[in-house]
C-alpha atoms as a PDB file:
ATOM      1  CA  MET A   1      85.784  96.304 110.474  1.00  0.00           C
ATOM      2  CA  GLU A   2      84.991  96.192 106.761  1.00  0.00           C
ATOM      3  CA  HIS A   3      83.255  98.953 104.778  1.00  0.00           C
ATOM      4  CA  GLY A   4      79.502  98.873 105.289  1.00  0.00           C
ATOM      5  CA  GLN A   5      79.684  97.194 108.631  1.00  0.00           C
ATOM      6  CA  GLU A   6      78.219  98.790 111.655  1.00  0.00           C
ATOM      7  CA  PHE A   7      80.858 100.604 113.821  1.00  0.00           C
ATOM      8  CA  VAL A   8      82.052  98.570 116.834  1.00  0.00           C
ATOM      9  CA  ASP A   9      83.715 100.393 119.695  1.00  0.00           C
ATOM     10  CA  TYR A  10      86.655  98.076 120.239  1.00  0.00           C
ATOM     11  CA  TYR A  11      87.917 100.206 123.137  1.00  0.00           C
ATOM     12  CA  GLU A  12      84.574  99.621 124.915  1.00  0.00           C
ATOM     13  CA  VAL A  13      84.773  95.849 124.157  1.00  0.00           C
ATOM     14  CA  LEU A  14      88.196  95.708 125.892  1.00  0.00           C
ATOM     15  CA  LYS A  15      87.167  98.294 128.562  1.00  0.00           C
ATOM     16  CA  VAL A  16      90.230 100.455 127.941  1.00  0.00           C
ATOM     17  CA  ASN A  17      90.817 104.142 127.352  1.00  0.00           C
ATOM     18  CA  PRO A  18      91.360 104.926 123.674  1.00  0.00           C
ATOM     19  CA  ASP A  19      94.701 106.566 124.728  1.00  0.00           C
ATOM     20  CA  CYS A  20      95.964 103.425 126.423  1.00  0.00           C
ATOM     21  CA  ASP A  21      99.318 101.953 125.519  1.00  0.00           C
ATOM     22  CA  ALA A  22      99.983  98.560 123.889  1.00  0.00           C
ATOM     23  CA  ARG A  23     100.693  96.905 127.277  1.00  0.00           C
ATOM     24  CA  ILE A  24      97.348  97.922 128.739  1.00  0.00           C
ATOM     25  CA  LEU A  25      95.622  96.710 125.547  1.00  0.00           C
ATOM     26  CA  GLU A  26      97.334  93.370 125.838  1.00  0.00           C
ATOM     27  CA  LEU A  27      96.475  92.992 129.541  1.00  0.00           C
ATOM     28  CA  ALA A  28      92.797  93.798 128.836  1.00  0.00           C
ATOM     29  CA  TYR A  29      92.761  91.306 125.968  1.00  0.00           C
ATOM     30  CA  HIS A  30      94.210  88.470 128.102  1.00  0.00           C
ATOM     31  CA  TYR A  31      91.894  89.231 130.996  1.00  0.00           C
ATOM     32  CA  PHE A  32      88.703  89.161 128.952  1.00  0.00           C
ATOM     33  CA  ALA A  33      89.792  86.388 126.625  1.00  0.00           C
ATOM     34  CA  LYS A  34      90.349  84.250 129.700  1.00  0.00           C
ATOM     35  CA  MET A  35      87.095  85.325 131.281  1.00  0.00           C
ATOM     36  CA  PHE A  36      84.894  84.625 128.233  1.00  0.00           C
ATOM     37  CA  HIS A  37      86.830  81.656 126.835  1.00  0.00           C
ATOM     38  CA  PRO A  38      84.483  78.723 126.055  1.00  0.00           C
ATOM     39  CA  ASP A  39      86.503  76.450 128.417  1.00  0.00           C
ATOM     40  CA  ASN A  40      85.784  78.696 131.373  1.00  0.00           C
ATOM     41  CA  LEU A  41      82.802  76.976 132.918  1.00  0.00           C
ATOM     42  CA  ALA A  42      81.911  79.890 135.203  1.00  0.00           C
ATOM     43  CA  THR A  43      81.957  82.797 132.729  1.00  0.00           C
ATOM     44  CA  ALA A  44      82.079  81.321 129.233  1.00  0.00           C
ATOM     45  CA  ASP A  45      80.535  83.504 126.510  1.00  0.00           C
ATOM     46  CA  SER A  46      81.523  82.598 122.951  1.00  0.00           C
ATOM     47  CA  ASP A  47      80.044  85.785 121.459  1.00  0.00           C
ATOM     48  CA  ARG A  48      81.907  88.061 123.834  1.00  0.00           C
ATOM     49  CA  PHE A  49      85.052  85.960 123.370  1.00  0.00           C
ATOM     50  CA  GLY A  50      84.839  86.468 119.604  1.00  0.00           C
ATOM     51  CA  GLU A  51      84.284  90.256 120.118  1.00  0.00           C
ATOM     52  CA  VAL A  52      87.362  90.400 122.356  1.00  0.00           C
ATOM     53  CA  ILE A  53      89.519  88.592 119.771  1.00  0.00           C
ATOM     54  CA  GLU A  54      88.201  90.866 116.974  1.00  0.00           C
ATOM     55  CA  ALA A  55      88.879  94.018 119.030  1.00  0.00           C
ATOM     56  CA  TYR A  56      92.410  92.974 119.896  1.00  0.00           C
ATOM     57  CA  ARG A  57      93.246  92.062 116.338  1.00  0.00           C
ATOM     58  CA  ALA A  58      92.071  95.452 115.134  1.00  0.00           C
ATOM     59  CA  LEU A  59      94.008  97.382 117.789  1.00  0.00           C
ATOM     60  CA  LYS A  60      97.225  95.433 118.410  1.00  0.00           C
ATOM     61  CA  ASP A  61      98.850  96.435 115.104  1.00  0.00           C
ATOM     62  CA  PRO A  62      99.851 100.112 115.198  1.00  0.00           C
ATOM     63  CA  GLU A  63      98.858 100.757 111.570  1.00  0.00           C
ATOM     64  CA  LYS A  64      95.487  99.049 111.909  1.00  0.00           C
ATOM     65  CA  ARG A  65      94.904 100.915 115.182  1.00  0.00           C
ATOM     66  CA  ALA A  66      95.724 104.270 113.591  1.00  0.00           C
ATOM     67  CA  ALA A  67      93.209 103.582 110.807  1.00  0.00           C
ATOM     68  CA  TYR A  68      90.584 102.455 113.353  1.00  0.00           C
ATOM     69  CA  ASP A  69      91.307 105.557 115.499  1.00  0.00           C
ATOM     70  CA  ARG A  70      90.455 107.829 112.529  1.00  0.00           C
ATOM     71  CA  ILE A  71      87.098 106.070 112.151  1.00  0.00           C
ATOM     72  CA  TYR A  72      86.621 106.121 115.953  1.00  0.00           C
ATOM     73  CA  ALA A  73      87.247 109.887 116.019  1.00  0.00           C
ATOM     74  CA  ARG A  74      84.740 110.530 113.230  1.00  0.00           C
ATOM     75  CA  THR A  75      82.164 108.271 114.837  1.00  0.00           C
ATOM     76  CA  ASN A  76      82.485 109.558 118.365  1.00  0.00           C
ATOM     77  CA  GLY A  77      83.282 113.166 117.571  1.00  0.00           C
ATOM     78  CA  ARG A  78      86.458 112.836 119.580  1.00  0.00           C
ATOM     79  CA  GLN A  79      88.915 115.630 119.268  1.00  0.00           C
ATOM     80  CA  ALA A  80      92.680 115.564 119.784  1.00  0.00           C
ATOM     81  CA  TYR A  81      93.818 116.690 123.156  1.00  0.00           C
ATOM     82  CA  GLN A  82      93.802 120.481 123.643  1.00  0.00           C
ATOM     83  CA  PHE A  83      95.760 122.235 126.367  1.00  0.00           C
ATOM     84  CA  PRO A  84      93.336 123.744 128.878  1.00  0.00           C
ATOM     85  CA  GLY A  85      92.920 127.461 129.083  1.00  0.00           C
ATOM     86  CA  ASP A  86      94.047 129.528 132.098  1.00  0.00           C
ATOM     87  CA  THR A  87      90.682 129.114 133.853  1.00  0.00           C
ATOM     88  CA  ASP A  88      90.904 125.316 133.567  1.00  0.00           C
ATOM     89  CA  LEU A  89      94.345 125.144 135.251  1.00  0.00           C
ATOM     90  CA  ALA A  90      93.191 125.995 138.723  1.00  0.00           C
ATOM     91  CA  VAL A  91      93.056 123.002 141.122  1.00  0.00           C
ATOM     92  CA  ASP A  92      91.468 123.743 144.416  1.00  0.00           C
ATOM     93  CA  GLU A  93      92.667 122.490 147.827  1.00  0.00           C
ATOM     94  CA  LYS A  94      89.714 120.137 148.129  1.00  0.00           C
ATOM     95  CA  THR A  95      90.733 118.346 144.917  1.00  0.00           C
ATOM     96  CA  THR A  96      94.272 117.785 146.242  1.00  0.00           C
ATOM     97  CA  VAL A  97      93.055 116.549 149.588  1.00  0.00           C
ATOM     98  CA  ASP A  98      90.587 114.231 147.817  1.00  0.00           C
ATOM     99  CA  ASP A  99      93.464 112.940 145.700  1.00  0.00           C
ATOM    100  CA  ALA A 100      95.498 112.256 148.831  1.00  0.00           C
ATOM    101  CA  GLU A 101      92.634 110.371 150.372  1.00  0.00           C
ATOM    102  CA  THR A 102      92.238 108.299 147.193  1.00  0.00           C
ATOM    103  CA  HIS A 103      95.924 107.425 147.319  1.00  0.00           C
ATOM    104  CA  ASP A 104      95.535 106.331 150.892  1.00  0.00           C
ATOM    105  CA  LYS A 105      92.485 104.148 149.984  1.00  0.00           C
ATOM    106  CA  ILE A 106      94.458 102.502 147.159  1.00  0.00           C
ATOM    107  CA  LEU A 107      97.412 101.796 149.389  1.00  0.00           C
ATOM    108  CA  LEU A 108      95.306 100.435 152.209  1.00  0.00           C
ATOM    109  CA  ALA A 109      93.428  98.130 149.885  1.00  0.00           C
ATOM    110  CA  LEU A 110      96.679  96.840 148.393  1.00  0.00           C
ATOM    111  CA  TYR A 111      98.217  96.565 151.843  1.00  0.00           C
ATOM    112  CA  LYS A 112      95.304  94.483 153.007  1.00  0.00           C
ATOM    113  CA  ARG A 113      95.512  92.274 149.879  1.00  0.00           C
ATOM    114  CA  ARG A 114      99.299  91.751 150.482  1.00  0.00           C
ATOM    115  CA  ARG A 115      98.724  90.795 154.175  1.00  0.00           C
ATOM    116  CA  GLU A 116      95.933  88.323 153.320  1.00  0.00           C
ATOM    117  CA  HIS A 117      97.394  86.898 150.148  1.00  0.00           C
ATOM    118  CA  ALA A 118     101.131  87.326 150.247  1.00  0.00           C
ATOM    119  CA  SER A 119     101.903  85.010 147.367  1.00  0.00           C
ATOM    120  CA  ASP A 120      99.188  86.563 145.135  1.00  0.00           C
ATOM    121  CA  ALA A 121      99.232  90.235 146.254  1.00  0.00           C
ATOM    122  CA  GLY A 122      98.162  91.827 143.021  1.00  0.00           C
ATOM    123  CA  VAL A 123      94.773  93.368 142.269  1.00  0.00           C
ATOM    124  CA  ILE A 124      93.391  94.017 138.811  1.00  0.00           C
ATOM    125  CA  GLY A 125      93.286  97.776 138.185  1.00  0.00           C
ATOM    126  CA  TRP A 126      89.647  97.663 137.150  1.00  0.00           C
ATOM    127  CA  PHE A 127      88.648  96.419 140.539  1.00  0.00           C
ATOM    128  CA  LEU A 128      90.436  99.268 142.214  1.00  0.00           C
ATOM    129  CA  GLN A 129      88.961 101.775 139.896  1.00  0.00           C
ATOM    130  CA  GLU A 130      85.507 100.334 140.525  1.00  0.00           C
ATOM    131  CA  MET A 131      86.092 100.484 144.327  1.00  0.00           C
ATOM    132  CA  LEU A 132      87.018 104.127 144.029  1.00  0.00           C
ATOM    133  CA  GLY A 133      84.299 105.005 141.589  1.00  0.00           C
ATOM    134  CA  CYS A 134      86.610 107.188 139.517  1.00  0.00           C
ATOM    135  CA  SER A 135      87.161 107.722 135.836  1.00  0.00           C
ATOM    136  CA  GLU A 136      89.958 105.939 133.911  1.00  0.00           C
ATOM    137  CA  GLU A 137      91.775 109.264 133.565  1.00  0.00           C
ATOM    138  CA  HIS A 138      91.703 109.945 137.309  1.00  0.00           C
ATOM    139  CA  PHE A 139      92.636 106.330 138.079  1.00  0.00           C
ATOM    140  CA  ALA A 140      95.566 106.590 135.668  1.00  0.00           C
ATOM    141  CA  PHE A 141      96.712 109.731 137.493  1.00  0.00           C
ATOM    142  CA  HIS A 142      96.533 108.000 140.857  1.00  0.00           C
ATOM    143  CA  THR A 143      98.448 104.930 139.725  1.00  0.00           C
ATOM    144  CA  TRP A 144     101.032 107.068 137.935  1.00  0.00           C
ATOM    145  CA  TYR A 145     101.644 109.038 141.110  1.00  0.00           C
ATOM    146  CA  LEU A 146     101.861 106.018 143.441  1.00  0.00           C
ATOM    147  CA  LYS A 147     104.029 104.118 140.949  1.00  0.00           C
ATOM    148  CA  SER A 148     106.375 107.101 140.557  1.00  0.00           C
ATOM    149  CA  LYS A 149     106.674 107.359 144.357  1.00  0.00           C
ATOM    150  CA  GLY A 150     107.603 103.633 144.436  1.00  0.00           C
ATOM    151  CA  PHE A 151     104.547 102.786 146.551  1.00  0.00           C
ATOM    152  CA  ILE A 152     102.961 100.416 143.993  1.00  0.00           C
ATOM    153  CA  GLU A 153     104.165  98.235 141.117  1.00  0.00           C
ATOM    154  CA  VAL A 154     102.724  96.378 138.150  1.00  0.00           C
ATOM    155  CA  THR A 155     103.273  92.666 138.598  1.00  0.00           C
ATOM    156  CA  GLU A 156     104.258  90.227 135.857  1.00  0.00           C
ATOM    157  CA  GLN A 157     100.614  89.262 135.665  1.00  0.00           C
ATOM    158  CA  GLY A 158      99.632  92.866 134.984  1.00  0.00           C
ATOM    159  CA  THR A 159      98.010  93.432 138.346  1.00  0.00           C
ATOM    160  CA  ILE A 160      98.835  96.247 140.825  1.00  0.00           C
ATOM    161  CA  ALA A 161     100.492  95.431 144.166  1.00  0.00           C
ATOM    162  CA  VAL A 162     101.874  97.463 147.042  1.00  0.00           C
ATOM    163  CA  THR A 163     105.674  97.664 147.366  1.00  0.00           C
ATOM    164  CA  VAL A 164     107.789  97.636 150.546  1.00  0.00           C
ATOM    165  CA  GLN A 165     107.913 101.414 150.353  1.00  0.00           C
ATOM    166  CA  GLY A 166     104.115 101.414 150.090  1.00  0.00           C
ATOM    167  CA  VAL A 167     103.764  99.189 153.105  1.00  0.00           C
ATOM    168  CA  ASP A 168     106.154 101.468 155.067  1.00  0.00           C
ATOM    169  CA  HIS A 169     104.099 104.461 153.997  1.00  0.00           C
ATOM    170  CA  VAL A 170     100.819 102.876 155.142  1.00  0.00           C
ATOM    171  CA  ILE A 171     102.379 102.005 158.525  1.00  0.00           C
ATOM    172  CA  SER A 172     103.876 105.460 158.917  1.00  0.00           C
ATOM    173  CA  THR A 173     100.579 107.133 158.048  1.00  0.00           C
ATOM    174  CA  SER A 174      98.679 104.842 160.386  1.00  0.00           C
ATOM    175  CA  ARG A 175     101.019 105.622 163.217  1.00  0.00           C
ATOM    176  CA  THR A 176     100.673 109.344 162.721  1.00  0.00           C
ATOM    177  CA  SER A 177      96.889 109.062 162.550  1.00  0.00           C
ATOM    178  CA  LEU A 178      96.791 106.966 165.729  1.00  0.00           C
ATOM    179  CA  SER A 179      99.070 109.448 167.521  1.00  0.00           C
ATOM    180  CA  GLU A 180      96.880 112.396 166.491  1.00  0.00           C
ATOM    181  CA  THR A 181      93.761 110.520 167.692  1.00  0.00           C
ATOM    182  CA  LEU A 182      95.356 109.775 171.032  1.00  0.00           C
ATOM    183  CA  LEU A 183      96.391 113.432 171.464  1.00  0.00           C
ATOM    184  CA  ILE A 184      92.890 114.609 170.712  1.00  0.00           C
ATOM    185  CA  GLN A 185      91.454 112.147 173.213  1.00  0.00           C
ATOM    186  CA  GLN A 186      93.949 113.177 175.887  1.00  0.00           C
ATOM    187  CA  SER A 187      93.215 116.861 175.210  1.00  0.00           C
ATOM    188  CA  LYS A 188      89.446 116.209 175.547  1.00  0.00           C
ATOM    189  CA  SER A 189      89.844 114.240 178.790  1.00  0.00           C
ATOM    190  CA  SER A 190      92.048 116.962 180.298  1.00  0.00           C
ATOM    191  CA  ASP A 191      89.454 119.651 179.351  1.00  0.00           C
ATOM    192  CA  ASP A 192      86.743 117.645 181.162  1.00  0.00           C
END
C-alpha cells in the first residue's frame, strides 16, 4: 500500500484475525490463492487472486506487517488488548456448558469426517467455524482447548482432524449419553 492509495484491509482479504500467527496467515494465503487461481476452472477470479497475493506480500514480512498494523490500527480505531476489569471476568455456568456443547459438536463433525474419509480426514477451520456460527476468537479458544487436550490436530495440509484420543472421547461420551437415555426410559417405564 503506497501513500495516497485507499486503505485495503488485508486481514479481511485473507479472512484472518489481525492477531493471527504467520502459519495461519500462510494457510489462508495458500487456500485462497488456490481457490481464485486463474487455472481453477470452478472458482477462478483473477482480481481476487491479485488481492490475495498483494495481501500476503504485505503481511508475510514481519517488518512490513508491523508498519501495516500501525496503519490498520489508525484506520480501524483498533486498540491494543486491555485486561478486562473485575466485572468482565465472570463467566457464567451457561457459557461453560455452551462451550462444552461446542466442543462436542466439533469432535462429532471431525469424527464423522474421519469415518467417511479416513485418508482425507481434515476439515478447513473456516468450515467448522461457519458450522458453529462463532467468532474467530471463540473458535480459536475451542480449537486451542481441544488441541491441548489431544483431541484434535492440525494436519500437514493445515486442516483440523480428530485424533485417536478424540475418537475415544466421542465414543466414551456417546456411551455415557446412551446409558443415561436408557436409564431414563427404564425409569419412566417402571413408573407407568
